[in-house]
Amino acid sequence: MAPTLTDVAKRADVALSTASRAFSDPQRLGPDTLRKVLAAAQELGYQGAKPGEPQAAGSTVAMVVPDIANPVYGTLVKAAQGEGRRRKQTLVLHDTDRDPEREREAITHLRSQVAAIVLCSSRLPADELVELCGSTPSVLINQEHDDVDCVLADAADGLRQAVDYLAALGHRRIAFVSGSHHSWSSPRRVRLVEELTAEAGIELEVLDWQAETVAAGTAVAASVLATGASAVITHNDLVAIGVIKGARALGVDVPDGLSVIGIDDVALTEVSRPSLTSISIPWSKAGALSVELLGPILGGHRMPPRKHLLPAQLVVRESTAPASR
């Protein structure tokens, strides 16, 4: 098995983040530490990029997504590709089908084939992502780590708007349908909704993780109705659309019998029947920003990693109404 950056860190007796900086941002290390890491890498045969080596225009950037069939990732990829074209870069796509092991395999293969990697809504822990990418520059979307640039949605503000809106409509018992247990954002959204509903004096029923698809939403509709909730917020728009379909099949109209709010605000929200109230997240901006952030790094100008928080906004449509049950 080829040596990893973790192996180098252990051999040099330094932190993983320190070993990573030896290849991606060597000026942040003292000369003795840098020599120690590079010596360990040479002893192990670790093949990383040369410290500080710039990548000119024409480089290839990989984007790894969990499910290209989800409209969110189509939006991300299209925007990233547009920004890459402007920079004369090529974007390659890898769909992991929401499988953590496939994601590991993809990153392990791509890190030596491309100049940089954008990781979208990863199903792996952030520390593992940093280890897998090694010295290959990376940006995380919808995932957080101190050692790389991260593009995040302001879920707290978006969910606060949704809970406040439901409270104003008179809803006193709501349900929340969580996403995949591999998702970084799902448990955080659950915690946020728990805090927000407690503050608002609203009863909450959390339905454990579901596949993030229309079919999963249709299947969970009966469980949502069984909670006695008059409104539901779902992990994404696809699940919300499925809940509407499932509720209708069970004889419950939306929004008269159940108010439904999704998250993401994909294009389908406007054409669903009824049109879907959703927390809008600027995924197109996230896609373009992820490639933009790589520009200075690939040009040899490493900047301190930052977290970029994008605004979320509740968009009210036809799937929500005053409480009636």
C-alpha atoms as a PDB file:
ATOM      1  CA  MET A   1       0.000   0.000   0.000  1.00  0.00           C
ATOM      2  CA  ALA A   2       1.303   3.452  -0.911  1.00  0.00           C
ATOM      3  CA  PRO A   3       2.339   5.590   2.070  1.00  0.00           C
ATOM      4  CA  THR A   4      -0.112   8.281   3.151  1.00  0.00           C
ATOM      5  CA  LEU A   5       0.352  11.717   4.599  1.00  0.00           C
ATOM      6  CA  THR A   6      -0.579  10.241   7.987  1.00  0.00           C
ATOM      7  CA  ASP A   7       2.388   7.866   7.680  1.00  0.00           C
ATOM      8  CA  VAL A   8       4.644  10.832   6.968  1.00  0.00           C
ATOM      9  CA  ALA A   9       3.289  12.727   9.985  1.00  0.00           C
ATOM     10  CA  LYS A  10       3.912   9.741  12.266  1.00  0.00           C
ATOM     11  CA  ARG A  11       7.444   9.207  10.941  1.00  0.00           C
ATOM     12  CA  ALA A  12       8.282  12.903  11.401  1.00  0.00           C
ATOM     13  CA  ASP A  13       6.503  12.999  14.775  1.00  0.00           C
ATOM     14  CA  VAL A  14       4.350  16.001  13.813  1.00  0.00           C
ATOM     15  CA  ALA A  15       0.628  16.673  13.545  1.00  0.00           C
ATOM     16  CA  LEU A  16      -1.156  15.707  10.331  1.00  0.00           C
ATOM     17  CA  SER A  17      -1.925  19.368   9.637  1.00  0.00           C
ATOM     18  CA  THR A  18       1.800  20.184   9.954  1.00  0.00           C
ATOM     19  CA  ALA A  19       2.734  17.470   7.469  1.00  0.00           C
ATOM     20  CA  SER A  20       0.094  18.785   5.060  1.00  0.00           C
ATOM     21  CA  ARG A  21       1.466  22.329   5.276  1.00  0.00           C
ATOM     22  CA  ALA A  22       4.950  21.079   4.391  1.00  0.00           C
ATOM     23  CA  PHE A  23       3.613  20.401   0.888  1.00  0.00           C
ATOM     24  CA  SER A  24       0.803  22.933   0.504  1.00  0.00           C
ATOM     25  CA  ASP A  25       2.040  25.929   2.507  1.00  0.00           C
ATOM     26  CA  PRO A  26       5.714  25.382   3.495  1.00  0.00           C
ATOM     27  CA  GLN A  27       6.370  29.023   4.396  1.00  0.00           C
ATOM     28  CA  ARG A  28       4.216  28.570   7.500  1.00  0.00           C
ATOM     29  CA  LEU A  29       6.681  26.031   8.924  1.00  0.00           C
ATOM     30  CA  GLY A  30      10.055  26.546  10.528  1.00  0.00           C
ATOM     31  CA  PRO A  31      13.039  25.271   8.505  1.00  0.00           C
ATOM     32  CA  ASP A  32      13.817  22.414  10.914  1.00  0.00           C
ATOM     33  CA  THR A  33      10.224  21.166  10.906  1.00  0.00           C
ATOM     34  CA  LEU A  34      10.009  21.395   7.130  1.00  0.00           C
ATOM     35  CA  ARG A  35      13.246  19.442   6.672  1.00  0.00           C
ATOM     36  CA  LYS A  36      12.044  16.770   9.109  1.00  0.00           C
ATOM     37  CA  VAL A  37       8.748  16.273   7.247  1.00  0.00           C
ATOM     38  CA  LEU A  38      10.365  16.195   3.804  1.00  0.00           C
ATOM     39  CA  ALA A  39      12.984  13.724   5.026  1.00  0.00           C
ATOM     40  CA  ALA A  40      10.264  11.452   6.393  1.00  0.00           C
ATOM     41  CA  ALA A  41       8.399  11.677   3.089  1.00  0.00           C
ATOM     42  CA  GLN A  42      11.517  10.740   1.149  1.00  0.00           C
ATOM     43  CA  GLU A  43      12.265   7.787   3.450  1.00  0.00           C
ATOM     44  CA  LEU A  44       8.739   6.431   3.007  1.00  0.00           C
ATOM     45  CA  GLY A  45       8.525   7.138  -0.710  1.00  0.00           C
ATOM     46  CA  TYR A  46       5.556   9.439  -0.262  1.00  0.00           C
ATOM     47  CA  GLN A  47       4.692  11.133  -3.555  1.00  0.00           C
ATOM     48  CA  GLY A  48       3.340  14.598  -2.764  1.00  0.00           C
ATOM     49  CA  ALA A  49       3.449  17.770  -4.762  1.00  0.00           C
ATOM     50  CA  LYS A  50       6.676  19.740  -4.531  1.00  0.00           C
ATOM     51  CA  PRO A  51       6.404  22.332  -1.757  1.00  0.00           C
ATOM     52  CA  GLY A  52       4.968  25.583  -3.064  1.00  0.00           C
ATOM     53  CA  GLU A  53       4.814  24.287  -6.643  1.00  0.00           C
ATOM     54  CA  PRO A  54       2.319  26.477  -8.574  1.00  0.00           C
ATOM     55  CA  GLN A  55      -0.169  25.084 -11.071  1.00  0.00           C
ATOM     56  CA  ALA A  56      -0.685  27.175 -14.210  1.00  0.00           C
ATOM     57  CA  ALA A  57      -3.913  27.746 -16.080  1.00  0.00           C
ATOM     58  CA  GLY A  58      -4.960  24.589 -17.852  1.00  0.00           C
ATOM     59  CA  SER A  59      -4.876  22.488 -14.691  1.00  0.00           C
ATOM     60  CA  THR A  60      -7.554  19.916 -13.915  1.00  0.00           C
ATOM     61  CA  VAL A  61      -9.812  20.177 -10.875  1.00  0.00           C
ATOM     62  CA  ALA A  62     -11.906  17.245  -9.664  1.00  0.00           C
ATOM     63  CA  MET A  63     -15.324  17.664  -8.065  1.00  0.00           C
ATOM     64  CA  VAL A  64     -16.583  14.757  -5.951  1.00  0.00           C
ATOM     65  CA  VAL A  65     -20.335  14.652  -5.271  1.00  0.00           C
ATOM     66  CA  PRO A  66     -22.525  12.075  -3.490  1.00  0.00           C
ATOM     67  CA  ASP A  67     -25.378  11.940  -6.021  1.00  0.00           C
ATOM     68  CA  ILE A  68     -25.446  13.771  -9.343  1.00  0.00           C
ATOM     69  CA  ALA A  69     -29.140  12.876  -9.706  1.00  0.00           C
ATOM     70  CA  ASN A  70     -29.870  15.332  -6.887  1.00  0.00           C
ATOM     71  CA  PRO A  71     -30.484  18.741  -8.546  1.00  0.00           C
ATOM     72  CA  VAL A  72     -28.344  20.466  -5.899  1.00  0.00           C
ATOM     73  CA  TYR A  73     -25.189  18.845  -7.244  1.00  0.00           C
ATOM     74  CA  GLY A  74     -26.106  19.558 -10.846  1.00  0.00           C
ATOM     75  CA  THR A  75     -26.301  23.228  -9.872  1.00  0.00           C
ATOM     76  CA  LEU A  76     -22.957  23.041  -8.056  1.00  0.00           C
ATOM     77  CA  VAL A  77     -21.200  21.322 -10.944  1.00  0.00           C
ATOM     78  CA  LYS A  78     -22.575  23.695 -13.581  1.00  0.00           C
ATOM     79  CA  ALA A  79     -21.438  26.757 -11.624  1.00  0.00           C
ATOM     80  CA  ALA A  80     -18.019  25.259 -10.846  1.00  0.00           C
ATOM     81  CA  GLN A  81     -17.545  24.332 -14.484  1.00  0.00           C
ATOM     82  CA  GLY A  82     -18.385  27.868 -15.553  1.00  0.00           C
ATOM     83  CA  GLU A  83     -15.840  29.338 -13.149  1.00  0.00           C
ATOM     84  CA  GLY A  84     -13.265  26.764 -14.237  1.00  0.00           C
ATOM     85  CA  ARG A  85     -13.822  27.622 -17.901  1.00  0.00           C
ATOM     86  CA  ARG A  86     -13.252  31.284 -17.105  1.00  0.00           C
ATOM     87  CA  ARG A  87      -9.938  30.300 -15.519  1.00  0.00           C
ATOM     88  CA  LYS A  88      -9.032  27.945 -18.371  1.00  0.00           C
ATOM     89  CA  GLN A  89      -9.264  24.936 -16.084  1.00  0.00           C
ATOM     90  CA  THR A  90     -10.838  21.566 -16.754  1.00  0.00           C
ATOM     91  CA  LEU A  91     -13.378  20.153 -14.310  1.00  0.00           C
ATOM     92  CA  VAL A  92     -13.808  16.394 -13.934  1.00  0.00           C
ATOM     93  CA  LEU A  93     -16.700  14.883 -11.993  1.00  0.00           C
ATOM     94  CA  HIS A  94     -16.907  11.811  -9.773  1.00  0.00           C
ATOM     95  CA  ASP A  95     -20.229  10.600  -8.355  1.00  0.00           C
ATOM     96  CA  THR A  96     -19.831   8.374  -5.275  1.00  0.00           C
ATOM     97  CA  ASP A  97     -23.474   7.251  -5.152  1.00  0.00           C
ATOM     98  CA  ARG A  98     -23.553   8.250  -1.446  1.00  0.00           C
ATOM     99  CA  ASP A  99     -21.124   5.415  -0.656  1.00  0.00           C
ATOM    100  CA  PRO A 100     -18.297   6.339   1.773  1.00  0.00           C
ATOM    101  CA  GLU A 101     -16.043   3.561   0.497  1.00  0.00           C
ATOM    102  CA  ARG A 102     -16.449   4.709  -3.101  1.00  0.00           C
ATOM    103  CA  GLU A 103     -15.566   8.198  -1.961  1.00  0.00           C
ATOM    104  CA  ARG A 104     -12.356   6.944  -0.324  1.00  0.00           C
ATOM    105  CA  GLU A 105     -11.407   5.127  -3.512  1.00  0.00           C
ATOM    106  CA  ALA A 106     -12.183   8.170  -5.656  1.00  0.00           C
ATOM    107  CA  ILE A 107     -10.082  10.579  -3.593  1.00  0.00           C
ATOM    108  CA  THR A 108      -7.185   8.124  -3.365  1.00  0.00           C
ATOM    109  CA  HIS A 109      -7.167   7.825  -7.162  1.00  0.00           C
ATOM    110  CA  LEU A 110      -7.791  11.482  -7.975  1.00  0.00           C
ATOM    111  CA  ARG A 111      -5.241  13.060  -5.633  1.00  0.00           C
ATOM    112  CA  SER A 112      -2.341  12.073  -7.887  1.00  0.00           C
ATOM    113  CA  GLN A 113      -4.206  12.773 -11.138  1.00  0.00           C
ATOM    114  CA  VAL A 114      -5.519  16.319 -10.647  1.00  0.00           C
ATOM    115  CA  ALA A 115      -4.263  19.673  -9.384  1.00  0.00           C
ATOM    116  CA  ALA A 116      -7.010  20.081  -6.773  1.00  0.00           C
ATOM    117  CA  ILE A 117     -10.194  18.482  -5.446  1.00  0.00           C
ATOM    118  CA  VAL A 118     -13.544  20.008  -4.456  1.00  0.00           C
ATOM    119  CA  LEU A 119     -15.438  17.743  -2.052  1.00  0.00           C
ATOM    120  CA  CYS A 120     -19.193  18.301  -1.890  1.00  0.00           C
ATOM    121  CA  SER A 121     -21.324  17.110   1.042  1.00  0.00           C
ATOM    122  CA  SER A 122     -18.829  14.374   1.834  1.00  0.00           C
ATOM    123  CA  ARG A 123     -19.969  11.209   3.593  1.00  0.00           C
ATOM    124  CA  LEU A 124     -16.580  10.944   5.329  1.00  0.00           C
ATOM    125  CA  PRO A 125     -15.263  12.674   8.486  1.00  0.00           C
ATOM    126  CA  ALA A 126     -13.395  15.907   7.802  1.00  0.00           C
ATOM    127  CA  ASP A 127     -10.133  14.643   9.354  1.00  0.00           C
ATOM    128  CA  GLU A 128     -10.177  11.659   7.030  1.00  0.00           C
ATOM    129  CA  LEU A 129     -10.768  13.907   4.026  1.00  0.00           C
ATOM    130  CA  VAL A 130      -7.706  15.979   4.871  1.00  0.00           C
ATOM    131  CA  GLU A 131      -5.649  12.807   5.242  1.00  0.00           C
ATOM    132  CA  LEU A 132      -6.913  11.336   1.971  1.00  0.00           C
ATOM    133  CA  CYS A 133      -6.236  14.497  -0.024  1.00  0.00           C
ATOM    134  CA  GLY A 134      -2.736  14.724   1.430  1.00  0.00           C
ATOM    135  CA  SER A 135      -0.811  17.513  -0.283  1.00  0.00           C
ATOM    136  CA  THR A 136      -3.396  17.955  -3.033  1.00  0.00           C
ATOM    137  CA  PRO A 137      -5.197  21.291  -2.483  1.00  0.00           C
ATOM    138  CA  SER A 138      -8.860  20.888  -1.601  1.00  0.00           C
ATOM    139  CA  VAL A 139     -12.020  22.832  -0.775  1.00  0.00           C
ATOM    140  CA  LEU A 140     -14.900  21.440   1.249  1.00  0.00           C
ATOM    141  CA  ILE A 141     -18.517  22.321   0.468  1.00  0.00           C
ATOM    142  CA  ASN A 142     -21.043  21.615   3.216  1.00  0.00           C
ATOM    143  CA  GLN A 143     -18.317  20.226   5.461  1.00  0.00           C
ATOM    144  CA  GLU A 144     -15.960  21.896   7.941  1.00  0.00           C
ATOM    145  CA  HIS A 145     -12.257  21.626   8.845  1.00  0.00           C
ATOM    146  CA  ASP A 146      -9.745  24.145  10.168  1.00  0.00           C
ATOM    147  CA  ASP A 147      -6.975  23.290   7.688  1.00  0.00           C
ATOM    148  CA  VAL A 148      -8.808  23.824   4.371  1.00  0.00           C
ATOM    149  CA  ASP A 149     -11.170  26.370   2.850  1.00  0.00           C
ATOM    150  CA  CYS A 150     -14.806  25.524   3.565  1.00  0.00           C
ATOM    151  CA  VAL A 151     -17.983  26.784   1.900  1.00  0.00           C
ATOM    152  CA  LEU A 152     -20.951  26.482   4.255  1.00  0.00           C
ATOM    153  CA  ALA A 153     -24.631  27.428   4.214  1.00  0.00           C
ATOM    154  CA  ASP A 154     -26.001  29.422   7.142  1.00  0.00           C
ATOM    155  CA  ALA A 155     -28.381  26.668   8.218  1.00  0.00           C
ATOM    156  CA  ALA A 156     -29.009  28.281  11.596  1.00  0.00           C
ATOM    157  CA  ASP A 157     -30.500  31.423  10.105  1.00  0.00           C
ATOM    158  CA  GLY A 158     -32.514  29.548   7.475  1.00  0.00           C
ATOM    159  CA  LEU A 159     -34.006  27.135   9.994  1.00  0.00           C
ATOM    160  CA  ARG A 160     -34.759  29.984  12.389  1.00  0.00           C
ATOM    161  CA  GLN A 161     -36.748  31.704   9.663  1.00  0.00           C
ATOM    162  CA  ALA A 162     -38.664  28.472   8.992  1.00  0.00           C
ATOM    163  CA  VAL A 163     -39.480  27.777  12.650  1.00  0.00           C
ATOM    164  CA  ASP A 164     -40.478  31.391  13.287  1.00  0.00           C
ATOM    165  CA  TYR A 165     -42.741  31.313  10.227  1.00  0.00           C
ATOM    166  CA  LEU A 166     -44.464  28.106  11.328  1.00  0.00           C
ATOM    167  CA  ALA A 167     -44.919  29.509  14.829  1.00  0.00           C
ATOM    168  CA  ALA A 168     -46.526  32.634  13.357  1.00  0.00           C
ATOM    169  CA  LEU A 169     -48.925  30.373  11.425  1.00  0.00           C
ATOM    170  CA  GLY A 170     -50.016  28.779  14.694  1.00  0.00           C
ATOM    171  CA  HIS A 171     -48.212  25.452  14.388  1.00  0.00           C
ATOM    172  CA  ARG A 172     -47.455  24.031  17.842  1.00  0.00           C
ATOM    173  CA  ARG A 173     -46.297  20.538  16.918  1.00  0.00           C
ATOM    174  CA  ILE A 174     -43.949  19.931  13.996  1.00  0.00           C
ATOM    175  CA  ALA A 175     -41.869  17.066  12.640  1.00  0.00           C
ATOM    176  CA  PHE A 176     -38.352  17.107  11.217  1.00  0.00           C
ATOM    177  CA  VAL A 177     -37.209  14.438   8.764  1.00  0.00           C
ATOM    178  CA  SER A 178     -33.426  14.075   9.031  1.00  0.00           C
ATOM    179  CA  GLY A 179     -31.060  13.050   6.238  1.00  0.00           C
ATOM    180  CA  SER A 180     -28.406  10.365   5.921  1.00  0.00           C
ATOM    181  CA  HIS A 181     -26.454   9.485   9.063  1.00  0.00           C
ATOM    182  CA  HIS A 182     -23.308   9.859   6.921  1.00  0.00           C
ATOM    183  CA  SER A 183     -24.194  13.485   6.176  1.00  0.00           C
ATOM    184  CA  TRP A 184     -22.224  16.193   8.035  1.00  0.00           C
ATOM    185  CA  SER A 185     -25.139  18.627   7.895  1.00  0.00           C
ATOM    186  CA  SER A 186     -27.948  16.293   9.003  1.00  0.00           C
ATOM    187  CA  PRO A 187     -27.148  15.941  12.733  1.00  0.00           C
ATOM    188  CA  ARG A 188     -26.352  19.656  12.917  1.00  0.00           C
ATOM    189  CA  ARG A 189     -29.717  20.549  11.437  1.00  0.00           C
ATOM    190  CA  VAL A 190     -31.427  18.248  13.919  1.00  0.00           C
ATOM    191  CA  ARG A 191     -29.706  19.980  16.827  1.00  0.00           C
ATOM    192  CA  LEU A 192     -30.582  23.403  15.466  1.00  0.00           C
ATOM    193  CA  VAL A 193     -34.250  22.517  15.015  1.00  0.00           C
ATOM    194  CA  GLU A 194     -34.362  21.061  18.528  1.00  0.00           C
ATOM    195  CA  GLU A 195     -32.970  24.301  19.954  1.00  0.00           C
ATOM    196  CA  LEU A 196     -35.179  26.561  17.856  1.00  0.00           C
ATOM    197  CA  THR A 197     -38.426  24.725  18.563  1.00  0.00           C
ATOM    198  CA  ALA A 198     -37.640  24.628  22.287  1.00  0.00           C
ATOM    199  CA  GLU A 199     -37.123  28.399  22.241  1.00  0.00           C
ATOM    200  CA  ALA A 200     -40.423  28.863  20.405  1.00  0.00           C
ATOM    201  CA  GLY A 201     -42.368  26.537  22.698  1.00  0.00           C
ATOM    202  CA  ILE A 202     -43.137  24.132  19.846  1.00  0.00           C
ATOM    203  CA  GLU A 203     -43.254  20.354  20.256  1.00  0.00           C
ATOM    204  CA  LEU A 204     -40.886  18.510  17.937  1.00  0.00           C
ATOM    205  CA  GLU A 205     -40.824  14.971  16.585  1.00  0.00           C
ATOM    206  CA  VAL A 206     -37.593  13.953  14.835  1.00  0.00           C
ATOM    207  CA  LEU A 207     -37.847  11.113  12.351  1.00  0.00           C
ATOM    208  CA  ASP A 208     -34.510   9.324  12.088  1.00  0.00           C
ATOM    209  CA  TRP A 209     -32.372   9.380   9.002  1.00  0.00           C
ATOM    210  CA  GLN A 210     -33.871   8.730   5.615  1.00  0.00           C
ATOM    211  CA  ALA A 211     -32.485   8.393   2.109  1.00  0.00           C
ATOM    212  CA  GLU A 212     -32.450  11.870   0.574  1.00  0.00           C
ATOM    213  CA  THR A 213     -34.842  11.074  -2.287  1.00  0.00           C
ATOM    214  CA  VAL A 214     -38.441  11.601  -3.371  1.00  0.00           C
ATOM    215  CA  ALA A 215     -39.137   7.898  -2.798  1.00  0.00           C
ATOM    216  CA  ALA A 216     -37.887   8.136   0.776  1.00  0.00           C
ATOM    217  CA  GLY A 217     -40.116  11.132   1.376  1.00  0.00           C
ATOM    218  CA  THR A 218     -43.137   9.262   0.051  1.00  0.00           C
ATOM    219  CA  ALA A 219     -42.350   6.332   2.328  1.00  0.00           C
ATOM    220  CA  VAL A 220     -41.913   8.476   5.451  1.00  0.00           C
ATOM    221  CA  ALA A 221     -45.144  10.441   4.925  1.00  0.00           C
ATOM    222  CA  ALA A 222     -47.194   7.984   6.994  1.00  0.00           C
ATOM    223  CA  SER A 223     -44.760   8.313   9.898  1.00  0.00           C
ATOM    224  CA  VAL A 224     -44.946  12.093   9.662  1.00  0.00           C
ATOM    225  CA  LEU A 225     -48.743  11.999   9.849  1.00  0.00           C
ATOM    226  CA  ALA A 226     -48.635   9.504  12.716  1.00  0.00           C
ATOM    227  CA  THR A 227     -46.762  12.044  14.874  1.00  0.00           C
ATOM    228  CA  GLY A 228     -49.796  14.312  14.844  1.00  0.00           C
ATOM    229  CA  ALA A 229     -47.646  17.186  13.592  1.00  0.00           C
ATOM    230  CA  SER A 230     -49.375  19.930  11.633  1.00  0.00           C
ATOM    231  CA  ALA A 231     -46.153  20.836   9.803  1.00  0.00           C
ATOM    232  CA  VAL A 232     -42.919  19.168   8.746  1.00  0.00           C
ATOM    233  CA  ILE A 233     -39.463  20.376   7.731  1.00  0.00           C
ATOM    234  CA  THR A 234     -37.391  17.912   5.717  1.00  0.00           C
ATOM    235  CA  HIS A 235     -33.645  17.547   5.176  1.00  0.00           C
ATOM    236  CA  ASN A 236     -33.982  18.522   1.520  1.00  0.00           C
ATOM    237  CA  ASP A 237     -36.524  19.420  -1.155  1.00  0.00           C
ATOM    238  CA  LEU A 238     -36.657  15.957  -2.718  1.00  0.00           C
ATOM    239  CA  VAL A 239     -37.821  14.417   0.552  1.00  0.00           C
ATOM    240  CA  ALA A 240     -40.341  17.243   0.984  1.00  0.00           C
ATOM    241  CA  ILE A 241     -41.815  16.627  -2.467  1.00  0.00           C
ATOM    242  CA  GLY A 242     -42.067  12.933  -1.603  1.00  0.00           C
ATOM    243  CA  VAL A 243     -43.873  13.750   1.676  1.00  0.00           C
ATOM    244  CA  ILE A 244     -46.428  15.804  -0.264  1.00  0.00           C
ATOM    245  CA  LYS A 245     -46.985  12.884  -2.621  1.00  0.00           C
ATOM    246  CA  GLY A 246     -47.245  10.380   0.225  1.00  0.00           C
ATOM    247  CA  ALA A 247     -49.617  12.544   2.263  1.00  0.00           C
ATOM    248  CA  ARG A 248     -51.887  13.004  -0.729  1.00  0.00           C
ATOM    249  CA  ALA A 249     -51.993   9.234  -1.263  1.00  0.00           C
ATOM    250  CA  LEU A 250     -53.123   8.882   2.369  1.00  0.00           C
ATOM    251  CA  GLY A 251     -55.921  11.395   1.881  1.00  0.00           C
ATOM    252  CA  VAL A 252     -54.221  14.392   3.505  1.00  0.00           C
ATOM    253  CA  ASP A 253     -54.016  17.597   1.495  1.00  0.00           C
ATOM    254  CA  VAL A 254     -51.038  19.933   1.606  1.00  0.00           C
ATOM    255  CA  PRO A 255     -51.166  22.562   3.007  1.00  0.00           C
ATOM    256  CA  ASP A 256     -54.672  22.262   4.512  1.00  0.00           C
ATOM    257  CA  GLY A 257     -53.886  19.092   6.442  1.00  0.00           C
ATOM    258  CA  LEU A 258     -50.090  19.378   6.614  1.00  0.00           C
ATOM    259  CA  SER A 259     -47.651  22.223   5.942  1.00  0.00           C
ATOM    260  CA  VAL A 260     -44.369  21.166   4.318  1.00  0.00           C
ATOM    261  CA  ILE A 261     -41.024  22.986   4.126  1.00  0.00           C
ATOM    262  CA  GLY A 262     -37.955  21.706   2.272  1.00  0.00           C
ATOM    263  CA  ILE A 263     -34.326  22.818   2.206  1.00  0.00           C
ATOM    264  CA  ASP A 264     -32.215  23.819  -0.850  1.00  0.00           C
ATOM    265  CA  ASP A 265     -34.808  25.554  -3.097  1.00  0.00           C
ATOM    266  CA  VAL A 266     -34.057  23.500  -6.204  1.00  0.00           C
ATOM    267  CA  ALA A 267     -35.892  24.306  -9.441  1.00  0.00           C
ATOM    268  CA  LEU A 268     -38.458  21.558  -8.808  1.00  0.00           C
ATOM    269  CA  THR A 269     -39.900  23.517  -5.878  1.00  0.00           C
ATOM    270  CA  GLU A 270     -41.646  25.942  -8.219  1.00  0.00           C
ATOM    271  CA  VAL A 271     -43.271  23.268 -10.390  1.00  0.00           C
ATOM    272  CA  SER A 272     -44.329  20.813  -7.666  1.00  0.00           C
ATOM    273  CA  ARG A 273     -48.026  20.824  -6.763  1.00  0.00           C
ATOM    274  CA  PRO A 274     -48.450  22.643  -4.528  1.00  0.00           C
ATOM    275  CA  SER A 275     -45.300  24.684  -5.044  1.00  0.00           C
ATOM    276  CA  LEU A 276     -42.893  24.039  -2.190  1.00  0.00           C
ATOM    277  CA  THR A 277     -41.924  26.468   0.553  1.00  0.00           C
ATOM    278  CA  SER A 278     -38.176  26.003   0.952  1.00  0.00           C
ATOM    279  CA  ILE A 279     -35.063  27.358   2.638  1.00  0.00           C
ATOM    280  CA  SER A 280     -33.076  28.675  -0.298  1.00  0.00           C
ATOM    281  CA  ILE A 281     -29.326  28.020  -0.265  1.00  0.00           C
ATOM    282  CA  PRO A 282     -27.159  29.632  -2.988  1.00  0.00           C
ATOM    283  CA  TRP A 283     -25.611  26.428  -4.290  1.00  0.00           C
ATOM    284  CA  SER A 284     -24.632  28.069  -7.570  1.00  0.00           C
ATOM    285  CA  LYS A 285     -22.559  30.585  -5.629  1.00  0.00           C
ATOM    286  CA  ALA A 286     -21.031  27.742  -3.604  1.00  0.00           C
ATOM    287  CA  GLY A 287     -19.942  25.913  -6.754  1.00  0.00           C
ATOM    288  CA  ALA A 288     -18.321  28.962  -8.335  1.00  0.00           C
ATOM    289  CA  LEU A 289     -16.698  30.040  -5.058  1.00  0.00           C
ATOM    290  CA  SER A 290     -15.114  26.621  -4.518  1.00  0.00           C
ATOM    291  CA  VAL A 291     -13.155  26.920  -7.773  1.00  0.00           C
ATOM    292  CA  GLU A 292     -12.419  30.590  -7.173  1.00  0.00           C
ATOM    293  CA  LEU A 293     -10.842  29.750  -3.806  1.00  0.00           C
ATOM    294  CA  LEU A 294      -8.470  27.316  -5.493  1.00  0.00           C
ATOM    295  CA  GLY A 295      -7.128  30.021  -7.827  1.00  0.00           C
ATOM    296  CA  PRO A 296      -4.520  31.560  -5.498  1.00  0.00           C
ATOM    297  CA  ILE A 297      -3.501  28.129  -4.181  1.00  0.00           C
ATOM    298  CA  LEU A 298      -2.899  26.734  -7.664  1.00  0.00           C
ATOM    299  CA  GLY A 299      -1.017  29.916  -8.516  1.00  0.00           C
ATOM    300  CA  GLY A 300       1.390  29.317  -5.633  1.00  0.00           C
ATOM    301  CA  HIS A 301      -0.108  31.926  -3.290  1.00  0.00           C
ATOM    302  CA  ARG A 302      -1.379  29.964  -0.332  1.00  0.00           C
ATOM    303  CA  MET A 303      -3.799  31.879   1.895  1.00  0.00           C
ATOM    304  CA  PRO A 304      -4.819  30.954   5.458  1.00  0.00           C
ATOM    305  CA  PRO A 305      -7.846  28.613   5.325  1.00  0.00           C
ATOM    306  CA  ARG A 306     -11.176  30.349   5.836  1.00  0.00           C
ATOM    307  CA  LYS A 307     -14.807  29.419   6.350  1.00  0.00           C
ATOM    308  CA  HIS A 308     -17.149  31.087   3.892  1.00  0.00           C
ATOM    309  CA  LEU A 309     -20.724  31.274   5.196  1.00  0.00           C
ATOM    310  CA  LEU A 310     -23.415  31.719   2.545  1.00  0.00           C
ATOM    311  CA  PRO A 311     -26.809  33.192   3.464  1.00  0.00           C
ATOM    312  CA  ALA A 312     -29.981  31.123   3.585  1.00  0.00           C
ATOM    313  CA  GLN A 313     -33.435  32.568   2.947  1.00  0.00           C
ATOM    314  CA  LEU A 314     -36.907  31.123   3.481  1.00  0.00           C
ATOM    315  CA  VAL A 315     -38.938  31.289   0.265  1.00  0.00           C
ATOM    316  CA  VAL A 316     -42.660  30.998   0.993  1.00  0.00           C
ATOM    317  CA  ARG A 317     -44.839  29.232  -1.567  1.00  0.00           C
ATOM    318  CA  GLU A 318     -48.063  27.212  -1.520  1.00  0.00           C
ATOM    319  CA  SER A 319     -47.128  24.238   0.684  1.00  0.00           C
ATOM    320  CA  THR A 320     -47.515  26.088   3.977  1.00  0.00           C
ATOM    321  CA  ALA A 321     -50.652  27.520   5.611  1.00  0.00           C
ATOM    322  CA  PRO A 322     -52.065  28.330   9.064  1.00  0.00           C
ATOM    323  CA  ALA A 323     -52.383  25.304  11.355  1.00  0.00           C
ATOM    324  CA  SER A 324     -55.700  23.482  11.147  1.00  0.00           C
ATOM    325  CA  ARG A 325     -54.979  20.267  13.060  1.00  0.00           C
END
